[in-house]
Amino acid sequence: MKSQKHNQGDLKELAVKIEKQVMEDLETMVKNTKIPLNDLVVIALKRFRSSHTDYLKQTPMTE
């Protein structure tokens, strides 16, 4: 996974407020893996997106 390229092409900034513990965990992950924070966030968001295609109306909504 470290060899995969993330966050390429046109980029757009996203500013969000997240729980303190989540941010601290991300900082720890950056320290332990040497993967940049931007890449870790993109990886997480891409995985969320692939798990929730119903939010994109690509599959039927579930209840």
Protein backbone atom coordinates (compact mmCIF):
# COMPACT_ATOMS: atom_id res chain seq x y z
CA MET A 1 0.00 0.00 0.00
CA LYS A 2 2.85 2.41 0.68
CA SER A 3 3.86 2.18 -2.96
CA GLN A 4 0.41 3.21 -4.21
CA LYS A 5 -0.01 6.75 -5.43
CA HIS A 6 -2.77 8.80 -3.83
CA ASN A 7 -3.93 12.37 -4.14
CA GLN A 8 -2.86 12.91 -7.74
CA GLY A 9 -4.38 15.13 -10.38
CA ASP A 10 -6.43 18.21 -9.61
CA LEU A 11 -6.65 18.78 -5.86
CA LYS A 12 -9.23 20.69 -3.86
CA GLU A 13 -8.90 21.73 -0.24
CA LEU A 14 -11.21 20.33 2.44
CA ALA A 15 -11.39 21.86 5.91
CA VAL A 16 -13.25 19.84 8.53
CA LYS A 17 -13.48 19.66 12.29
CA ILE A 18 -13.07 16.16 13.69
CA GLU A 19 -12.91 14.63 17.14
CA LYS A 20 -9.63 15.25 18.93
CA GLN A 21 -8.93 11.53 19.41
CA VAL A 22 -9.43 10.82 15.72
CA MET A 23 -6.90 13.53 14.85
CA GLU A 24 -4.43 12.23 17.43
CA ASP A 25 -4.80 8.73 16.01
CA LEU A 26 -4.15 10.04 12.50
CA GLU A 27 -1.02 11.84 13.74
CA THR A 28 0.18 8.60 15.33
CA MET A 29 -0.47 6.72 12.10
CA VAL A 30 1.55 9.32 10.15
CA LYS A 31 4.41 8.96 12.61
CA ASN A 32 4.36 5.16 12.50
CA THR A 33 3.93 4.74 8.74
CA LYS A 34 5.62 7.85 7.32
CA ILE A 35 2.57 8.18 5.04
CA PRO A 36 1.65 11.88 4.73
CA LEU A 37 -1.54 12.97 6.49
CA ASN A 38 -3.15 14.05 3.21
CA ASP A 39 -2.62 10.57 1.78
CA LEU A 40 -3.99 8.81 4.87
CA VAL A 41 -7.12 10.95 4.78
CA VAL A 42 -7.63 10.33 1.06
CA ILE A 43 -7.17 6.57 1.56
CA ALA A 44 -9.76 6.58 4.36
CA LEU A 45 -12.24 8.66 2.36
CA LYS A 46 -11.84 6.50 -0.75
CA ARG A 47 -12.50 3.38 1.32
CA PHE A 48 -15.59 5.02 2.86
CA ARG A 49 -16.79 6.07 -0.58
CA SER A 50 -16.37 2.55 -2.00
CA SER A 51 -18.36 1.13 0.93
CA HIS A 52 -21.20 3.64 0.52
CA THR A 53 -21.95 3.78 -3.17
CA ASP A 54 -25.61 4.09 -2.15
CA TYR A 55 -24.79 7.63 -0.97
CA LEU A 56 -23.73 8.36 -4.55
CA LYS A 57 -26.96 6.74 -5.79
CA GLN A 58 -24.91 4.14 -7.67
CA THR A 59 -26.71 1.38 -5.79
CA PRO A 60 -30.12 1.34 -4.08
CA MET A 61 -30.31 3.10 -0.71
CA THR A 62 -30.49 0.80 2.31
CA GLU A 63 -32.48 1.49 5.42
